[in-house]
Structures are given as C-alpha cells and as structure tokens.
Amino acid sequence: MAFGYEKFIAKILLQKNRKDWQKIRKAKNKIRYNKKTALSCSSSGKLQQRLTMKRHSKHFVRLYLNFRFLKLKVEVFF
C-alpha cells in the first residue's frame, strides 16, 4: 500500500517538473538574444529594463534566473 502511494506522489511530482522544464525551455528561447547580458547582470532592475520590450519576457527570465541560482545552490550544498 505504501509503495503504491509513494509511486503516485512521484508521478505527480514528475508531471509538475515536466511543466517547469517546459517553462525553462521557453525562457532559454526568450533570452537567447541577450543571454550573456542576462547571466552576467547582477542588478535585476537593469535586466528588467532591458527585457520589457518582449511580451511575457520578464516573467520567463525571472523564472530562468531563479532556476539557475537554485541549481548552483544545490550543486554547492549537496
């Protein structure tokens, strides 16, 4: 019983992660034109000013940069 329950939870988590990966892939495509600036820029205000031209780009870039930061954090601490 417990194993089936864990398997069910794992399936839901995988589906959620898949959606997140799709968003991250979209974010990569959105900021490809100024990827170097986005990754090297430390101030978020400057980054937001640069990316207000494209529709939804602020949301995607924030998600992408947060993901990069968390990935680095995980690599350092785990």
PDB file of N, CA and C in Angstrom:
ATOM      1  N   MET A   1       0.821  -1.210   0.000  1.00  0.00           N
ATOM      2  CA  MET A   1       0.000   0.000   0.000  1.00  0.00           C
ATOM      3  C   MET A   1       0.857   1.264   0.000  1.00  0.00           C
ATOM      4  N   ALA A   2       1.845   1.283   0.868  1.00  0.00           N
ATOM      5  CA  ALA A   2       2.690   2.479   0.980  1.00  0.00           C
ATOM      6  C   ALA A   2       3.485   2.712  -0.301  1.00  0.00           C
ATOM      7  N   PHE A   3       3.951   1.622  -0.919  1.00  0.00           N
ATOM      8  CA  PHE A   3       4.737   1.764  -2.143  1.00  0.00           C
ATOM      9  C   PHE A   3       3.900   2.363  -3.274  1.00  0.00           C
ATOM     10  N   GLY A   4       2.651   1.908  -3.403  1.00  0.00           N
ATOM     11  CA  GLY A   4       1.760   2.448  -4.432  1.00  0.00           C
ATOM     12  C   GLY A   4       1.499   3.934  -4.215  1.00  0.00           C
ATOM     13  N   TYR A   5       1.344   4.320  -2.952  1.00  0.00           N
ATOM     14  CA  TYR A   5       1.099   5.723  -2.607  1.00  0.00           C
ATOM     15  C   TYR A   5       2.305   6.586  -2.969  1.00  0.00           C
ATOM     16  N   GLU A   6       3.509   6.107  -2.656  1.00  0.00           N
ATOM     17  CA  GLU A   6       4.735   6.840  -2.992  1.00  0.00           C
ATOM     18  C   GLU A   6       4.901   6.967  -4.501  1.00  0.00           C
ATOM     19  N   LYS A   7       4.565   5.887  -5.206  1.00  0.00           N
ATOM     20  CA  LYS A   7       4.667   5.895  -6.664  1.00  0.00           C
ATOM     21  C   LYS A   7       3.725   6.947  -7.258  1.00  0.00           C
ATOM     22  N   PHE A   8       2.519   7.044  -6.695  1.00  0.00           N
ATOM     23  CA  PHE A   8       1.532   8.019  -7.157  1.00  0.00           C
ATOM     24  C   PHE A   8       2.036   9.447  -6.950  1.00  0.00           C
ATOM     25  N   ILE A   9       2.608   9.712  -5.780  1.00  0.00           N
ATOM     26  CA  ILE A   9       3.161  11.043  -5.482  1.00  0.00           C
ATOM     27  C   ILE A   9       4.318  11.361  -6.428  1.00  0.00           C
ATOM     28  N   ALA A  10       5.178  10.370  -6.666  1.00  0.00           N
ATOM     29  CA  ALA A  10       6.312  10.575  -7.571  1.00  0.00           C
ATOM     30  C   ALA A  10       5.829  10.917  -8.975  1.00  0.00           C
ATOM     31  N   LYS A  11       4.742  10.271  -9.409  1.00  0.00           N
ATOM     32  CA  LYS A  11       4.189  10.536 -10.740  1.00  0.00           C
ATOM     33  C   LYS A  11       3.702  11.985 -10.845  1.00  0.00           C
ATOM     34  N   ILE A  12       3.014  12.458  -9.802  1.00  0.00           N
ATOM     35  CA  ILE A  12       2.531  13.852  -9.784  1.00  0.00           C
ATOM     36  C   ILE A  12       3.711  14.824  -9.813  1.00  0.00           C
ATOM     37  N   LEU A  13       4.742  14.546  -9.020  1.00  0.00           N
ATOM     38  CA  LEU A  13       5.920  15.418  -8.982  1.00  0.00           C
ATOM     39  C   LEU A  13       6.608  15.463 -10.339  1.00  0.00           C
ATOM     40  N   LEU A  14       6.689  14.323 -11.010  1.00  0.00           N
ATOM     41  CA  LEU A  14       7.310  14.287 -12.333  1.00  0.00           C
ATOM     42  C   LEU A  14       6.524  15.128 -13.327  1.00  0.00           C
ATOM     43  N   GLN A  15       5.193  15.065 -13.251  1.00  0.00           N
ATOM     44  CA  GLN A  15       4.367  15.871 -14.152  1.00  0.00           C
ATOM     45  C   GLN A  15       4.590  17.354 -13.898  1.00  0.00           C
ATOM     46  N   LYS A  16       4.679  17.735 -12.621  1.00  0.00           N
ATOM     47  CA  LYS A  16       4.921  19.145 -12.289  1.00  0.00           C
ATOM     48  C   LYS A  16       6.295  19.584 -12.788  1.00  0.00           C
ATOM     49  N   ASN A  17       7.298  18.747 -12.593  1.00  0.00           N
ATOM     50  CA  ASN A  17       8.648  19.082 -13.045  1.00  0.00           C
ATOM     51  C   ASN A  17       8.699  19.212 -14.557  1.00  0.00           C
ATOM     52  N   ARG A  18       7.927  18.392 -15.238  1.00  0.00           N
ATOM     53  CA  ARG A  18       7.899  18.468 -16.705  1.00  0.00           C
ATOM     54  C   ARG A  18       7.385  19.832 -17.155  1.00  0.00           C
ATOM     55  N   LYS A  19       6.334  20.311 -16.496  1.00  0.00           N
ATOM     56  CA  LYS A  19       5.807  21.639 -16.825  1.00  0.00           C
ATOM     57  C   LYS A  19       6.853  22.714 -16.552  1.00  0.00           C
ATOM     58  N   ASP A  20       7.562  22.585 -15.449  1.00  0.00           N
ATOM     59  CA  ASP A  20       8.615  23.549 -15.118  1.00  0.00           C
ATOM     60  C   ASP A  20       9.717  23.535 -16.172  1.00  0.00           C
ATOM     61  N   TRP A  21      10.088  22.342 -16.632  1.00  0.00           N
ATOM     62  CA  TRP A  21      11.124  22.253 -17.658  1.00  0.00           C
ATOM     63  C   TRP A  21      10.671  22.914 -18.950  1.00  0.00           C
ATOM     64  N   GLN A  22       9.364  22.789 -19.278  1.00  0.00           N
ATOM     65  CA  GLN A  22       8.848  23.458 -20.477  1.00  0.00           C
ATOM     66  C   GLN A  22       8.964  24.970 -20.326  1.00  0.00           C
ATOM     67  N   LYS A  23       8.659  25.487 -19.146  1.00  0.00           N
ATOM     68  CA  LYS A  23       8.786  26.930 -18.901  1.00  0.00           C
ATOM     69  C   LYS A  23      10.242  27.370 -19.003  1.00  0.00           C
ATOM     70  N   ILE A  24      11.142  26.556 -18.462  1.00  0.00           N
ATOM     71  CA  ILE A  24      12.566  26.896 -18.508  1.00  0.00           C
ATOM     72  C   ILE A  24      13.069  26.889 -19.947  1.00  0.00           C
ATOM     73  N   ARG A  25      12.598  25.928 -20.739  1.00  0.00           N
ATOM     74  CA  ARG A  25      12.991  25.870 -22.149  1.00  0.00           C
ATOM     75  C   ARG A  25      12.499  27.114 -22.889  1.00  0.00           C
ATOM     76  N   LYS A  26      11.258  27.541 -22.583  1.00  0.00           N
ATOM     77  CA  LYS A  26      10.731  28.765 -23.186  1.00  0.00           C
ATOM     78  C   LYS A  26      11.582  29.959 -22.772  1.00  0.00           C
ATOM     79  N   ALA A  27      11.980  29.988 -21.517  1.00  0.00           N
ATOM     80  CA  ALA A  27      12.796  31.096 -21.016  1.00  0.00           C
ATOM     81  C   ALA A  27      14.129  31.157 -21.742  1.00  0.00           C
ATOM     82  N   LYS A  28      14.739  29.998 -21.977  1.00  0.00           N
ATOM     83  CA  LYS A  28      16.008  29.971 -22.702  1.00  0.00           C
ATOM     84  C   LYS A  28      15.841  30.553 -24.094  1.00  0.00           C
ATOM     85  N   ASN A  29      14.734  30.200 -24.755  1.00  0.00           N
ATOM     86  CA  ASN A  29      14.487  30.728 -26.095  1.00  0.00           C
ATOM     87  C   ASN A  29      14.238  32.227 -26.065  1.00  0.00           C
ATOM     88  N   LYS A  30      13.562  32.701 -25.010  1.00  0.00           N
ATOM     89  CA  LYS A  30      13.229  34.126 -24.923  1.00  0.00           C
ATOM     90  C   LYS A  30      14.478  34.983 -24.740  1.00  0.00           C
ATOM     91  N   ILE A  31      15.424  34.526 -23.914  1.00  0.00           N
ATOM     92  CA  ILE A  31      16.561  35.401 -23.603  1.00  0.00           C
ATOM     93  C   ILE A  31      17.817  35.028 -24.370  1.00  0.00           C
ATOM     94  N   ARG A  32      17.666  34.241 -25.417  1.00  0.00           N
ATOM     95  CA  ARG A  32      18.845  33.853 -26.199  1.00  0.00           C
ATOM     96  C   ARG A  32      19.511  35.071 -26.836  1.00  0.00           C
ATOM     97  N   TYR A  33      18.701  36.081 -27.205  1.00  0.00           N
ATOM     98  CA  TYR A  33      19.263  37.240 -27.911  1.00  0.00           C
ATOM     99  C   TYR A  33      20.171  38.078 -27.023  1.00  0.00           C
ATOM    100  N   ASN A  34      19.986  38.043 -25.717  1.00  0.00           N
ATOM    101  CA  ASN A  34      20.936  38.731 -24.836  1.00  0.00           C
ATOM    102  C   ASN A  34      21.232  37.865 -23.618  1.00  0.00           C
ATOM    103  N   LYS A  35      21.584  36.634 -23.873  1.00  0.00           N
ATOM    104  CA  LYS A  35      21.857  35.666 -22.802  1.00  0.00           C
ATOM    105  C   LYS A  35      23.059  36.093 -21.961  1.00  0.00           C
ATOM    106  N   LYS A  36      24.109  36.549 -22.619  1.00  0.00           N
ATOM    107  CA  LYS A  36      25.315  36.949 -21.893  1.00  0.00           C
ATOM    108  C   LYS A  36      25.014  38.092 -20.933  1.00  0.00           C
ATOM    109  N   THR A  37      24.249  39.067 -21.403  1.00  0.00           N
ATOM    110  CA  THR A  37      23.909  40.209 -20.549  1.00  0.00           C
ATOM    111  C   THR A  37      23.049  39.750 -19.379  1.00  0.00           C
ATOM    112  N   ALA A  38      22.099  38.855 -19.657  1.00  0.00           N
ATOM    113  CA  ALA A  38      21.176  38.410 -18.610  1.00  0.00           C
ATOM    114  C   ALA A  38      21.909  37.635 -17.521  1.00  0.00           C
ATOM    115  N   LEU A  39      22.859  36.804 -17.905  1.00  0.00           N
ATOM    116  CA  LEU A  39      23.548  35.977 -16.918  1.00  0.00           C
ATOM    117  C   LEU A  39      24.637  36.747 -16.173  1.00  0.00           C
ATOM    118  N   SER A  40      25.233  37.745 -16.828  1.00  0.00           N
ATOM    119  CA  SER A  40      26.307  38.488 -16.170  1.00  0.00           C
ATOM    120  C   SER A  40      25.781  39.679 -15.364  1.00  0.00           C
ATOM    121  N   CYS A  41      24.563  40.103 -15.664  1.00  0.00           N
ATOM    122  CA  CYS A  41      23.999  41.280 -14.993  1.00  0.00           C
ATOM    123  C   CYS A  41      23.588  40.922 -13.571  1.00  0.00           C
ATOM    124  N   SER A  42      24.085  41.657 -12.596  1.00  0.00           N
ATOM    125  CA  SER A  42      23.776  41.337 -11.198  1.00  0.00           C
ATOM    126  C   SER A  42      22.541  42.078 -10.705  1.00  0.00           C
ATOM    127  N   SER A  43      22.285  43.284 -11.236  1.00  0.00           N
ATOM    128  CA  SER A  43      21.133  44.061 -10.771  1.00  0.00           C
ATOM    129  C   SER A  43      19.895  43.688 -11.578  1.00  0.00           C
ATOM    130  N   SER A  44      18.828  43.304 -10.879  1.00  0.00           N
ATOM    131  CA  SER A  44      17.620  42.839 -11.565  1.00  0.00           C
ATOM    132  C   SER A  44      16.880  43.999 -12.237  1.00  0.00           C
ATOM    133  N   GLY A  45      17.000  45.205 -11.690  1.00  0.00           N
ATOM    134  CA  GLY A  45      16.333  46.358 -12.289  1.00  0.00           C
ATOM    135  C   GLY A  45      16.829  46.636 -13.691  1.00  0.00           C
ATOM    136  N   LYS A  46      18.140  46.550 -13.865  1.00  0.00           N
ATOM    137  CA  LYS A  46      18.751  46.768 -15.170  1.00  0.00           C
ATOM    138  C   LYS A  46      18.277  45.704 -16.160  1.00  0.00           C
ATOM    139  N   LEU A  47      18.203  44.469 -15.665  1.00  0.00           N
ATOM    140  CA  LEU A  47      17.774  43.357 -16.501  1.00  0.00           C
ATOM    141  C   LEU A  47      16.319  43.528 -16.923  1.00  0.00           C
ATOM    142  N   GLN A  48      15.465  43.947 -15.987  1.00  0.00           N
ATOM    143  CA  GLN A  48      14.052  44.133 -16.301  1.00  0.00           C
ATOM    144  C   GLN A  48      13.857  45.257 -17.311  1.00  0.00           C
ATOM    145  N   GLN A  49      14.631  46.317 -17.205  1.00  0.00           N
ATOM    146  CA  GLN A  49      14.519  47.412 -18.165  1.00  0.00           C
ATOM    147  C   GLN A  49      14.886  46.942 -19.568  1.00  0.00           C
ATOM    148  N   ARG A  50      15.883  46.091 -19.669  1.00  0.00           N
ATOM    149  CA  ARG A  50      16.300  45.597 -20.977  1.00  0.00           C
ATOM    150  C   ARG A  50      15.243  44.699 -21.615  1.00  0.00           C
ATOM    151  N   LEU A  51      14.526  43.932 -20.786  1.00  0.00           N
ATOM    152  CA  LEU A  51      13.647  42.904 -21.323  1.00  0.00           C
ATOM    153  C   LEU A  51      12.168  43.273 -21.313  1.00  0.00           C
ATOM    154  N   THR A  52      11.849  44.554 -21.153  1.00  0.00           N
ATOM    155  CA  THR A  52      10.438  44.938 -21.168  1.00  0.00           C
ATOM    156  C   THR A  52       9.887  44.997 -22.587  1.00  0.00           C
ATOM    157  N   MET A  53      10.741  44.917 -23.594  1.00  0.00           N
ATOM    158  CA  MET A  53      10.278  45.026 -24.978  1.00  0.00           C
ATOM    159  C   MET A  53       9.455  43.816 -25.408  1.00  0.00           C
ATOM    160  N   LYS A  54       9.878  42.626 -24.988  1.00  0.00           N
ATOM    161  CA  LYS A  54       9.183  41.415 -25.412  1.00  0.00           C
ATOM    162  C   LYS A  54       8.055  41.077 -24.445  1.00  0.00           C
ATOM    163  N   ARG A  55       6.981  40.524 -24.994  1.00  0.00           N
ATOM    164  CA  ARG A  55       5.828  40.172 -24.170  1.00  0.00           C
ATOM    165  C   ARG A  55       6.154  38.970 -23.283  1.00  0.00           C
ATOM    166  N   HIS A  56       5.783  39.019 -22.022  1.00  0.00           N
ATOM    167  CA  HIS A  56       5.987  37.959 -21.026  1.00  0.00           C
ATOM    168  C   HIS A  56       7.450  37.665 -20.724  1.00  0.00           C
ATOM    169  N   SER A  57       8.371  38.450 -21.269  1.00  0.00           N
ATOM    170  CA  SER A  57       9.781  38.078 -21.107  1.00  0.00           C
ATOM    171  C   SER A  57      10.261  38.273 -19.671  1.00  0.00           C
ATOM    172  N   LYS A  58       9.739  39.272 -18.953  1.00  0.00           N
ATOM    173  CA  LYS A  58      10.175  39.487 -17.564  1.00  0.00           C
ATOM    174  C   LYS A  58       9.869  38.257 -16.713  1.00  0.00           C
ATOM    175  N   HIS A  59       8.662  37.713 -16.873  1.00  0.00           N
ATOM    176  CA  HIS A  59       8.241  36.548 -16.082  1.00  0.00           C
ATOM    177  C   HIS A  59       9.140  35.351 -16.364  1.00  0.00           C
ATOM    178  N   PHE A  60       9.371  35.081 -17.638  1.00  0.00           N
ATOM    179  CA  PHE A  60      10.173  33.921 -18.013  1.00  0.00           C
ATOM    180  C   PHE A  60      11.622  34.081 -17.576  1.00  0.00           C
ATOM    181  N   VAL A  61      12.169  35.276 -17.722  1.00  0.00           N
ATOM    182  CA  VAL A  61      13.567  35.495 -17.352  1.00  0.00           C
ATOM    183  C   VAL A  61      13.750  35.365 -15.851  1.00  0.00           C
ATOM    184  N   ARG A  62      12.796  35.876 -15.086  1.00  0.00           N
ATOM    185  CA  ARG A  62      12.880  35.753 -13.634  1.00  0.00           C
ATOM    186  C   ARG A  62      12.868  34.275 -13.244  1.00  0.00           C
ATOM    187  N   LEU A  63      12.002  33.503 -13.882  1.00  0.00           N
ATOM    188  CA  LEU A  63      11.931  32.065 -13.611  1.00  0.00           C
ATOM    189  C   LEU A  63      13.239  31.378 -13.973  1.00  0.00           C
ATOM    190  N   TYR A  64      13.786  31.749 -15.124  1.00  0.00           N
ATOM    191  CA  TYR A  64      15.014  31.104 -15.605  1.00  0.00           C
ATOM    192  C   TYR A  64      16.200  31.434 -14.708  1.00  0.00           C
ATOM    193  N   LEU A  65      16.342  32.687 -14.322  1.00  0.00           N
ATOM    194  CA  LEU A  65      17.466  33.074 -13.472  1.00  0.00           C
ATOM    195  C   LEU A  65      17.336  32.480 -12.076  1.00  0.00           C
ATOM    196  N   ASN A  66      16.100  32.412 -11.561  1.00  0.00           N
ATOM    197  CA  ASN A  66      15.901  31.765 -10.266  1.00  0.00           C
ATOM    198  C   ASN A  66      16.287  30.300 -10.348  1.00  0.00           C
ATOM    199  N   PHE A  67      15.938  29.666 -11.449  1.00  0.00           N
ATOM    200  CA  PHE A  67      16.287  28.255 -11.613  1.00  0.00           C
ATOM    201  C   PHE A  67      17.795  28.089 -11.668  1.00  0.00           C
ATOM    202  N   ARG A  68      18.494  28.967 -12.385  1.00  0.00           N
ATOM    203  CA  ARG A  68      19.958  28.871 -12.466  1.00  0.00           C
ATOM    204  C   ARG A  68      20.575  29.047 -11.073  1.00  0.00           C
ATOM    205  N   PHE A  69      20.060  29.995 -10.318  1.00  0.00           N
ATOM    206  CA  PHE A  69      20.586  30.252  -8.975  1.00  0.00           C
ATOM    207  C   PHE A  69      20.361  29.040  -8.071  1.00  0.00           C
ATOM    208  N   LEU A  70      19.148  28.466  -8.129  1.00  0.00           N
ATOM    209  CA  LEU A  70      18.851  27.302  -7.294  1.00  0.00           C
ATOM    210  C   LEU A  70      19.698  26.106  -7.700  1.00  0.00           C
ATOM    211  N   LYS A  71      19.937  25.972  -8.996  1.00  0.00           N
ATOM    212  CA  LYS A  71      20.767  24.867  -9.475  1.00  0.00           C
ATOM    213  C   LYS A  71      22.192  25.004  -8.930  1.00  0.00           C
ATOM    214  N   LEU A  72      22.718  26.218  -8.962  1.00  0.00           N
ATOM    215  CA  LEU A  72      24.054  26.454  -8.419  1.00  0.00           C
ATOM    216  C   LEU A  72      24.080  26.194  -6.915  1.00  0.00           C
ATOM    217  N   LYS A  73      23.014  26.623  -6.230  1.00  0.00           N
ATOM    218  CA  LYS A  73      22.921  26.434  -4.785  1.00  0.00           C
ATOM    219  C   LYS A  73      22.893  24.938  -4.448  1.00  0.00           C
ATOM    220  N   VAL A  74      22.135  24.186  -5.224  1.00  0.00           N
ATOM    221  CA  VAL A  74      22.043  22.740  -4.998  1.00  0.00           C
ATOM    222  C   VAL A  74      23.392  22.083  -5.247  1.00  0.00           C
ATOM    223  N   GLU A  75      24.078  22.495  -6.304  1.00  0.00           N
ATOM    224  CA  GLU A  75      25.389  21.918  -6.606  1.00  0.00           C
ATOM    225  C   GLU A  75      26.387  22.206  -5.485  1.00  0.00           C
ATOM    226  N   VAL A  76      26.297  23.380  -4.891  1.00  0.00           N
ATOM    227  CA  VAL A  76      27.244  23.743  -3.834  1.00  0.00           C
ATOM    228  C   VAL A  76      26.937  23.001  -2.532  1.00  0.00           C
ATOM    229  N   PHE A  77      25.656  22.929  -2.155  1.00  0.00           N
ATOM    230  CA  PHE A  77      25.314  22.394  -0.836  1.00  0.00           C
ATOM    231  C   PHE A  77      25.079  20.891  -0.800  1.00  0.00           C
ATOM    232  N   PHE A  78      24.824  20.253  -1.945  1.00  0.00           N
ATOM    233  CA  PHE A  78      24.539  18.818  -1.893  1.00  0.00           C
ATOM    234  C   PHE A  78      25.672  17.996  -2.434  1.00  0.00           C
TER     235      PHE A  78
END
